PDB file of N, CA and C in Angstrom:
ATOM      1  N   MET A   1      52.375 -95.144 -27.296  1.00  0.00           N
ATOM      2  CA  MET A   1      51.259 -94.791 -26.454  1.00  0.00           C
ATOM      3  C   MET A   1      51.445 -93.351 -25.986  1.00  0.00           C
ATOM      4  N   GLY A   2      50.379 -92.598 -26.000  1.00  0.00           N
ATOM      5  CA  GLY A   2      50.427 -91.221 -25.543  1.00  0.00           C
ATOM      6  C   GLY A   2      50.600 -91.123 -24.044  1.00  0.00           C
ATOM      7  N   ARG A   3      51.143 -90.018 -23.606  1.00  0.00           N
ATOM      8  CA  ARG A   3      51.380 -89.797 -22.180  1.00  0.00           C
ATOM      9  C   ARG A   3      51.103 -88.327 -21.888  1.00  0.00           C
ATOM     10  N   LYS A   4      50.571 -88.038 -20.706  1.00  0.00           N
ATOM     11  CA  LYS A   4      50.266 -86.672 -20.301  1.00  0.00           C
ATOM     12  C   LYS A   4      51.476 -85.768 -20.545  1.00  0.00           C
ATOM     13  N   ASN A   5      51.224 -84.606 -21.135  1.00  0.00           N
ATOM     14  CA  ASN A   5      52.238 -83.596 -21.434  1.00  0.00           C
ATOM     15  C   ASN A   5      53.184 -83.982 -22.575  1.00  0.00           C
ATOM     16  N   PHE A   6      52.919 -85.098 -23.242  1.00  0.00           N
ATOM     17  CA  PHE A   6      53.771 -85.539 -24.339  1.00  0.00           C
ATOM     18  C   PHE A   6      52.958 -85.768 -25.609  1.00  0.00           C
ATOM     19  N   GLY A   7      51.848 -85.042 -25.758  1.00  0.00           N
ATOM     20  CA  GLY A   7      50.964 -85.222 -26.904  1.00  0.00           C
ATOM     21  C   GLY A   7      51.646 -84.970 -28.239  1.00  0.00           C
ATOM     22  N   VAL A   8      52.357 -83.863 -28.346  1.00  0.00           N
ATOM     23  CA  VAL A   8      53.026 -83.526 -29.605  1.00  0.00           C
ATOM     24  C   VAL A   8      54.129 -84.547 -29.892  1.00  0.00           C
ATOM     25  N   TYR A   9      54.891 -84.920 -28.888  1.00  0.00           N
ATOM     26  CA  TYR A   9      55.958 -85.911 -29.047  1.00  0.00           C
ATOM     27  C   TYR A   9      55.377 -87.237 -29.545  1.00  0.00           C
ATOM     28  N   SER A  10      54.310 -87.699 -28.896  1.00  0.00           N
ATOM     29  CA  SER A  10      53.683 -88.968 -29.280  1.00  0.00           C
ATOM     30  C   SER A  10      53.093 -88.910 -30.689  1.00  0.00           C
ATOM     31  N   ALA A  11      52.434 -87.821 -31.008  1.00  0.00           N
ATOM     32  CA  ALA A  11      51.836 -87.672 -32.338  1.00  0.00           C
ATOM     33  C   ALA A  11      52.912 -87.648 -33.417  1.00  0.00           C
ATOM     34  N   THR A  12      54.021 -87.006 -33.134  1.00  0.00           N
ATOM     35  CA  THR A  12      55.116 -86.938 -34.099  1.00  0.00           C
ATOM     36  C   THR A  12      55.705 -88.316 -34.354  1.00  0.00           C
ATOM     37  N   LYS A  13      55.873 -89.098 -33.299  1.00  0.00           N
ATOM     38  CA  LYS A  13      56.400 -90.459 -33.476  1.00  0.00           C
ATOM     39  C   LYS A  13      55.457 -91.290 -34.344  1.00  0.00           C
ATOM     40  N   ALA A  14      54.157 -91.173 -34.113  1.00  0.00           N
ATOM     41  CA  ALA A  14      53.179 -91.911 -34.922  1.00  0.00           C
ATOM     42  C   ALA A  14      53.223 -91.442 -36.374  1.00  0.00           C
ATOM     43  N   ALA A  15      53.407 -90.155 -36.570  1.00  0.00           N
ATOM     44  CA  ALA A  15      53.480 -89.613 -37.924  1.00  0.00           C
ATOM     45  C   ALA A  15      54.697 -90.160 -38.670  1.00  0.00           C
ATOM     46  N   VAL A  16      55.812 -90.290 -37.985  1.00  0.00           N
ATOM     47  CA  VAL A  16      57.026 -90.828 -38.614  1.00  0.00           C
ATOM     48  C   VAL A  16      56.798 -92.266 -39.076  1.00  0.00           C
ATOM     49  N   VAL A  17      56.136 -93.060 -38.253  1.00  0.00           N
ATOM     50  CA  VAL A  17      55.840 -94.451 -38.620  1.00  0.00           C
ATOM     51  C   VAL A  17      54.992 -94.488 -39.893  1.00  0.00           C
ATOM     52  N   ASN A  18      53.916 -93.731 -39.922  1.00  0.00           N
ATOM     53  CA  ASN A  18      53.024 -93.724 -41.086  1.00  0.00           C
ATOM     54  C   ASN A  18      53.707 -93.159 -42.328  1.00  0.00           C
ATOM     55  N   PHE A  19      54.499 -92.119 -42.157  1.00  0.00           N
ATOM     56  CA  PHE A  19      55.225 -91.523 -43.274  1.00  0.00           C
ATOM     57  C   PHE A  19      56.216 -92.530 -43.864  1.00  0.00           C
ATOM     58  N   SER A  20      56.925 -93.240 -43.012  1.00  0.00           N
ATOM     59  CA  SER A  20      57.895 -94.240 -43.479  1.00  0.00           C
ATOM     60  C   SER A  20      57.214 -95.348 -44.268  1.00  0.00           C
ATOM     61  N   GLN A  21      56.091 -95.807 -43.774  1.00  0.00           N
ATOM     62  CA  GLN A  21      55.372 -96.867 -44.485  1.00  0.00           C
ATOM     63  C   GLN A  21      54.869 -96.364 -45.835  1.00  0.00           C
ATOM     64  N   SER A  22      54.406 -95.132 -45.897  1.00  0.00           N
ATOM     65  CA  SER A  22      53.964 -94.557 -47.172  1.00  0.00           C
ATOM     66  C   SER A  22      55.118 -94.450 -48.158  1.00  0.00           C
ATOM     67  N   LEU A  23      56.267 -93.976 -47.683  1.00  0.00           N
ATOM     68  CA  LEU A  23      57.433 -93.864 -48.553  1.00  0.00           C
ATOM     69  C   LEU A  23      57.860 -95.220 -49.103  1.00  0.00           C
ATOM     70  N   ALA A  24      57.811 -96.240 -48.249  1.00  0.00           N
ATOM     71  CA  ALA A  24      58.200 -97.583 -48.680  1.00  0.00           C
ATOM     72  C   ALA A  24      57.306 -98.087 -49.803  1.00  0.00           C
ATOM     73  N   GLU A  25      56.024 -97.749 -49.754  1.00  0.00           N
ATOM     74  CA  GLU A  25      55.103 -98.177 -50.807  1.00  0.00           C
ATOM     75  C   GLU A  25      55.224 -97.319 -52.065  1.00  0.00           C
ATOM     76  N   GLU A  26      55.486 -96.046 -51.887  1.00  0.00           N
ATOM     77  CA  GLU A  26      55.565 -95.136 -53.035  1.00  0.00           C
ATOM     78  C   GLU A  26      56.870 -95.270 -53.821  1.00  0.00           C
ATOM     79  N   PHE A  27      57.949 -95.594 -53.137  1.00  0.00           N
ATOM     80  CA  PHE A  27      59.265 -95.663 -53.777  1.00  0.00           C
ATOM     81  C   PHE A  27      59.843 -97.060 -53.603  1.00  0.00           C
ATOM     82  N   GLU A  28      59.518 -97.924 -54.526  1.00  0.00           N
ATOM     83  CA  GLU A  28      59.926 -99.320 -54.435  1.00  0.00           C
ATOM     84  C   GLU A  28      61.438 -99.506 -54.541  1.00  0.00           C
ATOM     85  N   ASN A  29      62.142 -98.512 -55.040  1.00  0.00           N
ATOM     86  CA  ASN A  29      63.594 -98.619 -55.163  1.00  0.00           C
ATOM     87  C   ASN A  29      64.322 -98.221 -53.869  1.00  0.00           C
ATOM     88  N   LEU A  30      63.586 -97.782 -52.857  1.00  0.00           N
ATOM     89  CA  LEU A  30      64.163 -97.412 -51.567  1.00  0.00           C
ATOM     90  C   LEU A  30      63.796 -98.442 -50.503  1.00  0.00           C
ATOM     91  N   PHE A  31      64.636 -98.561 -49.513  1.00  0.00           N
ATOM     92  CA  PHE A  31      64.326 -99.394 -48.354  1.00  0.00           C
ATOM     93  C   PHE A  31      64.089 -98.450 -47.184  1.00  0.00           C
ATOM     94  N   VAL A  32      62.825 -98.339 -46.786  1.00  0.00           N
ATOM     95  CA  VAL A  32      62.436 -97.400 -45.740  1.00  0.00           C
ATOM     96  C   VAL A  32      61.773 -98.170 -44.607  1.00  0.00           C
ATOM     97  N   ASN A  33      62.319 -98.045 -43.417  1.00  0.00           N
ATOM     98  CA  ASN A  33      61.787 -98.719 -42.238  1.00  0.00           C
ATOM     99  C   ASN A  33      61.783 -97.742 -41.074  1.00  0.00           C
ATOM    100  N   THR A  34      61.097 -98.109 -40.016  1.00  0.00           N
ATOM    101  CA  THR A  34      61.075 -97.303 -38.803  1.00  0.00           C
ATOM    102  C   THR A  34      61.586 -98.145 -37.656  1.00  0.00           C
ATOM    103  N   ILE A  35      62.538 -97.609 -36.922  1.00  0.00           N
ATOM    104  CA  ILE A  35      63.063 -98.283 -35.735  1.00  0.00           C
ATOM    105  C   ILE A  35      62.361 -97.678 -34.530  1.00  0.00           C
ATOM    106  N   VAL A  36      61.739 -98.532 -33.726  1.00  0.00           N
ATOM    107  CA  VAL A  36      60.991 -98.088 -32.556  1.00  0.00           C
ATOM    108  C   VAL A  36      61.577 -98.767 -31.317  1.00  0.00           C
ATOM    109  N   PRO A  37      62.513 -98.090 -30.659  1.00  0.00           N
ATOM    110  CA  PRO A  37      63.083 -98.684 -29.451  1.00  0.00           C
ATOM    111  C   PRO A  37      62.174 -98.463 -28.246  1.00  0.00           C
ATOM    112  N   GLN A  38      62.256 -99.375 -27.300  1.00  0.00           N
ATOM    113  CA  GLN A  38      61.520 -99.173 -26.052  1.00  0.00           C
ATOM    114  C   GLN A  38      62.193 -98.042 -25.278  1.00  0.00           C
ATOM    115  N   ARG A  39      61.726 -97.795 -24.097  1.00  0.00           N
ATOM    116  CA  ARG A  39      62.299 -96.730 -23.268  1.00  0.00           C
ATOM    117  C   ARG A  39      63.816 -96.917 -23.210  1.00  0.00           C
ATOM    118  N   THR A  40      64.545 -95.842 -23.525  1.00  0.00           N
ATOM    119  CA  THR A  40      65.990 -95.925 -23.695  1.00  0.00           C
ATOM    120  C   THR A  40      66.715 -95.004 -22.717  1.00  0.00           C
ATOM    121  N   LYS A  41      67.870 -95.473 -22.267  1.00  0.00           N
ATOM    122  CA  LYS A  41      68.677 -94.715 -21.320  1.00  0.00           C
ATOM    123  C   LYS A  41      69.362 -93.562 -22.056  1.00  0.00           C
ATOM    124  N   THR A  42      68.705 -92.397 -22.032  1.00  0.00           N
ATOM    125  CA  THR A  42      69.255 -91.187 -22.659  1.00  0.00           C
ATOM    126  C   THR A  42      69.166 -90.038 -21.667  1.00  0.00           C
ATOM    127  N   LYS A  43      69.888 -88.968 -21.964  1.00  0.00           N
ATOM    128  CA  LYS A  43      69.840 -87.790 -21.102  1.00  0.00           C
ATOM    129  C   LYS A  43      68.423 -87.213 -21.062  1.00  0.00           C
ATOM    130  N   MET A  44      67.752 -87.171 -22.216  1.00  0.00           N
ATOM    131  CA  MET A  44      66.396 -86.640 -22.253  1.00  0.00           C
ATOM    132  C   MET A  44      65.475 -87.450 -21.340  1.00  0.00           C
ATOM    133  N   ARG A  45      65.607 -88.771 -21.410  1.00  0.00           N
ATOM    134  CA  ARG A  45      64.767 -89.640 -20.575  1.00  0.00           C
ATOM    135  C   ARG A  45      65.030 -89.366 -19.104  1.00  0.00           C
ATOM    136  N   LYS A  46      66.293 -89.255 -18.731  1.00  0.00           N
ATOM    137  CA  LYS A  46      66.654 -89.005 -17.332  1.00  0.00           C
ATOM    138  C   LYS A  46      66.163 -87.634 -16.872  1.00  0.00           C
ATOM    139  N   ASP A  47      66.230 -86.638 -17.765  1.00  0.00           N
ATOM    140  CA  ASP A  47      65.743 -85.300 -17.411  1.00  0.00           C
ATOM    141  C   ASP A  47      64.242 -85.299 -17.131  1.00  0.00           C
ATOM    142  N   PHE A  48      63.471 -86.046 -17.931  1.00  0.00           N
ATOM    143  CA  PHE A  48      62.014 -86.065 -17.767  1.00  0.00           C
ATOM    144  C   PHE A  48      61.545 -87.053 -16.702  1.00  0.00           C
ATOM    145  N   PHE A  49      62.304 -88.104 -16.480  1.00  0.00           N
ATOM    146  CA  PHE A  49      61.906 -89.138 -15.525  1.00  0.00           C
ATOM    147  C   PHE A  49      63.087 -89.468 -14.609  1.00  0.00           C
ATOM    148  N   PRO A  50      63.478 -88.533 -13.749  1.00  0.00           N
ATOM    149  CA  PRO A  50      64.686 -88.693 -12.937  1.00  0.00           C
ATOM    150  C   PRO A  50      64.643 -89.851 -11.935  1.00  0.00           C
ATOM    151  N   ASN A  51      63.470 -90.287 -11.544  1.00  0.00           N
ATOM    152  CA  ASN A  51      63.359 -91.360 -10.547  1.00  0.00           C
ATOM    153  C   ASN A  51      63.154 -92.739 -11.163  1.00  0.00           C
ATOM    154  N   GLU A  52      63.235 -92.824 -12.468  1.00  0.00           N
ATOM    155  CA  GLU A  52      63.012 -94.091 -13.162  1.00  0.00           C
ATOM    156  C   GLU A  52      64.191 -95.039 -12.942  1.00  0.00           C
ATOM    157  N   ASP A  53      63.896 -96.306 -12.770  1.00  0.00           N
ATOM    158  CA  ASP A  53      64.925 -97.333 -12.591  1.00  0.00           C
ATOM    159  C   ASP A  53      65.658 -97.542 -13.913  1.00  0.00           C
ATOM    160  N   GLU A  54      66.914 -97.110 -13.975  1.00  0.00           N
ATOM    161  CA  GLU A  54      67.683 -97.180 -15.223  1.00  0.00           C
ATOM    162  C   GLU A  54      67.957 -98.610 -15.671  1.00  0.00           C
ATOM    163  N   SER A  55      67.879 -99.560 -14.756  1.00  0.00           N
ATOM    164  CA  SER A  55      68.130-100.961 -15.142  1.00  0.00           C
ATOM    165  C   SER A  55      67.027-101.493 -16.055  1.00  0.00           C
ATOM    166  N   LEU A  56      65.899-100.807 -16.109  1.00  0.00           N
ATOM    167  CA  LEU A  56      64.790-101.216 -16.970  1.00  0.00           C
ATOM    168  C   LEU A  56      64.867-100.588 -18.359  1.00  0.00           C
ATOM    169  N   LEU A  57      65.833 -99.683 -18.552  1.00  0.00           N
ATOM    170  CA  LEU A  57      65.936 -98.956 -19.810  1.00  0.00           C
ATOM    171  C   LEU A  57      66.888 -99.644 -20.783  1.00  0.00           C
ATOM    172  N   LEU A  58      66.620 -99.456 -22.039  1.00  0.00           N
ATOM    173  CA  LEU A  58      67.425-100.034 -23.113  1.00  0.00           C
ATOM    174  C   LEU A  58      68.719 -99.251 -23.294  1.00  0.00           C
ATOM    175  N   ASP A  59      69.807 -99.956 -23.474  1.00  0.00           N
ATOM    176  CA  ASP A  59      71.107 -99.343 -23.715  1.00  0.00           C
ATOM    177  C   ASP A  59      71.146 -98.828 -25.160  1.00  0.00           C
ATOM    178  N   PRO A  60      71.504 -97.557 -25.378  1.00  0.00           N
ATOM    179  CA  PRO A  60      71.551 -97.005 -26.737  1.00  0.00           C
ATOM    180  C   PRO A  60      72.467 -97.791 -27.680  1.00  0.00           C
ATOM    181  N   LYS A  61      73.477 -98.458 -27.147  1.00  0.00           N
ATOM    182  CA  LYS A  61      74.386 -99.239 -27.994  1.00  0.00           C
ATOM    183  C   LYS A  61      73.646-100.381 -28.688  1.00  0.00           C
ATOM    184  N   ILE A  62      72.651-100.943 -28.017  1.00  0.00           N
ATOM    185  CA  ILE A  62      71.859-102.022 -28.621  1.00  0.00           C
ATOM    186  C   ILE A  62      71.094-101.480 -29.831  1.00  0.00           C
ATOM    187  N   ILE A  63      70.562-100.286 -29.690  1.00  0.00           N
ATOM    188  CA  ILE A  63      69.841 -99.662 -30.804  1.00  0.00           C
ATOM    189  C   ILE A  63      70.795 -99.423 -31.970  1.00  0.00           C
ATOM    190  N   ALA A  64      71.984 -98.936 -31.672  1.00  0.00           N
ATOM    191  CA  ALA A  64      72.972 -98.684 -32.728  1.00  0.00           C
ATOM    192  C   ALA A  64      73.321 -99.981 -33.459  1.00  0.00           C
ATOM    193  N   GLU A  65      73.542-101.058 -32.726  1.00  0.00           N
ATOM    194  CA  GLU A  65      73.887-102.344 -33.342  1.00  0.00           C
ATOM    195  C   GLU A  65      72.760-102.854 -34.238  1.00  0.00           C
ATOM    196  N   LYS A  66      71.526-102.770 -33.755  1.00  0.00           N
ATOM    197  CA  LYS A  66      70.382-103.231 -34.544  1.00  0.00           C
ATOM    198  C   LYS A  66      70.192-102.359 -35.787  1.00  0.00           C
ATOM    199  N   THR A  67      70.445-101.057 -35.644  1.00  0.00           N
ATOM    200  CA  THR A  67      70.315-100.146 -36.780  1.00  0.00           C
ATOM    201  C   THR A  67      71.343-100.483 -37.858  1.00  0.00           C
ATOM    202  N   ILE A  68      72.570-100.721 -37.453  1.00  0.00           N
ATOM    203  CA  ILE A  68      73.616-101.096 -38.416  1.00  0.00           C
ATOM    204  C   ILE A  68      73.251-102.393 -39.117  1.00  0.00           C
ATOM    205  N   SER A  69      72.747-103.350 -38.364  1.00  0.00           N
ATOM    206  CA  SER A  69      72.331-104.630 -38.945  1.00  0.00           C
ATOM    207  C   SER A  69      71.222-104.411 -39.978  1.00  0.00           C
ATOM    208  N   LEU A  70      70.254-103.565 -39.659  1.00  0.00           N
ATOM    209  CA  LEU A  70      69.165-103.280 -40.586  1.00  0.00           C
ATOM    210  C   LEU A  70      69.684-102.581 -41.844  1.00  0.00           C
ATOM    211  N   LEU A  71      70.620-101.671 -41.684  1.00  0.00           N
ATOM    212  CA  LEU A  71      71.168-100.944 -42.833  1.00  0.00           C
ATOM    213  C   LEU A  71      71.912-101.879 -43.795  1.00  0.00           C
ATOM    214  N   LYS A  72      72.462-102.957 -43.266  1.00  0.00           N
ATOM    215  CA  LYS A  72      73.171-103.926 -44.104  1.00  0.00           C
ATOM    216  C   LYS A  72      72.220-104.855 -44.853  1.00  0.00           C
ATOM    217  N   ASN A  73      70.958-104.886 -44.434  1.00  0.00           N
ATOM    218  CA  ASN A  73      69.961-105.768 -45.033  1.00  0.00           C
ATOM    219  C   ASN A  73      69.208-104.995 -46.109  1.00  0.00           C
ATOM    220  N   ASN A  74      69.282-105.453 -47.338  1.00  0.00           N
ATOM    221  CA  ASN A  74      68.598-104.737 -48.412  1.00  0.00           C
ATOM    222  C   ASN A  74      67.344-105.476 -48.883  1.00  0.00           C
ATOM    223  N   CYS A  75      66.693-106.159 -47.959  1.00  0.00           N
ATOM    224  CA  CYS A  75      65.471-106.894 -48.304  1.00  0.00           C
ATOM    225  C   CYS A  75      64.243-106.397 -47.542  1.00  0.00           C
ATOM    226  N   ILE A  76      64.458-105.689 -46.456  1.00  0.00           N
ATOM    227  CA  ILE A  76      63.343-105.278 -45.598  1.00  0.00           C
ATOM    228  C   ILE A  76      62.958-103.847 -45.918  1.00  0.00           C
ATOM    229  N   THR A  77      61.677-103.621 -46.136  1.00  0.00           N
ATOM    230  CA  THR A  77      61.180-102.266 -46.341  1.00  0.00           C
ATOM    231  C   THR A  77      59.733-102.169 -45.863  1.00  0.00           C
ATOM    232  N   GLY A  78      59.366-100.995 -45.385  1.00  0.00           N
ATOM    233  CA  GLY A  78      58.008-100.767 -44.910  1.00  0.00           C
ATOM    234  C   GLY A  78      57.718-101.396 -43.560  1.00  0.00           C
ATOM    235  N   SER A  79      58.762-101.764 -42.833  1.00  0.00           N
ATOM    236  CA  SER A  79      58.578-102.452 -41.560  1.00  0.00           C
ATOM    237  C   SER A  79      58.772-101.523 -40.365  1.00  0.00           C
ATOM    238  N   ILE A  80      58.143-101.907 -39.280  1.00  0.00           N
ATOM    239  CA  ILE A  80      58.343-101.245 -37.990  1.00  0.00           C
ATOM    240  C   ILE A  80      59.191-102.218 -37.183  1.00  0.00           C
ATOM    241  N   ILE A  81      60.415-101.835 -36.888  1.00  0.00           N
ATOM    242  CA  ILE A  81      61.352-102.675 -36.172  1.00  0.00           C
ATOM    243  C   ILE A  81      61.353-102.258 -34.705  1.00  0.00           C
ATOM    244  N   GLU A  82      60.776-103.097 -33.860  1.00  0.00           N
ATOM    245  CA  GLU A  82      60.766-102.804 -32.424  1.00  0.00           C
ATOM    246  C   GLU A  82      62.021-103.381 -31.791  1.00  0.00           C
ATOM    247  N   ILE A  83      62.669-102.576 -30.961  1.00  0.00           N
ATOM    248  CA  ILE A  83      63.863-103.030 -30.267  1.00  0.00           C
ATOM    249  C   ILE A  83      63.550-103.009 -28.779  1.00  0.00           C
ATOM    250  N   LYS A  84      63.704-104.173 -28.156  1.00  0.00           N
ATOM    251  CA  LYS A  84      63.356-104.321 -26.742  1.00  0.00           C
ATOM    252  C   LYS A  84      64.521-104.891 -25.965  1.00  0.00           C
ATOM    253  N   ASN A  85      64.510-104.599 -24.665  1.00  0.00           N
ATOM    254  CA  ASN A  85      65.473-105.173 -23.745  1.00  0.00           C
ATOM    255  C   ASN A  85      65.178-106.654 -23.570  1.00  0.00           C
ATOM    256  N   HIS A  86      66.199-107.444 -23.434  1.00  0.00           N
ATOM    257  CA  HIS A  86      65.974-108.895 -23.225  1.00  0.00           C
ATOM    258  C   HIS A  86      65.855-109.227 -21.787  1.00  0.00           C
TER     259      HIS A  86
END
């Protein structure tokens, strides 16, 4: 979703999703997916939203674990993998 002052950032993220899906269809011998994590506890996030409740943010380690799991799976391609806090 777009947000004030983040138009280019939001558009770029959408472009990556569409580009990945196109690559997955064009190159059947590749496994191309997009990982879309929810709001994540990063320095960039804290710099832009200093008053945000960090307990609501996703731990980057969870993203790393899910990414490794996806990389080990050679059956999924062209998917948008959403990673959310439980």
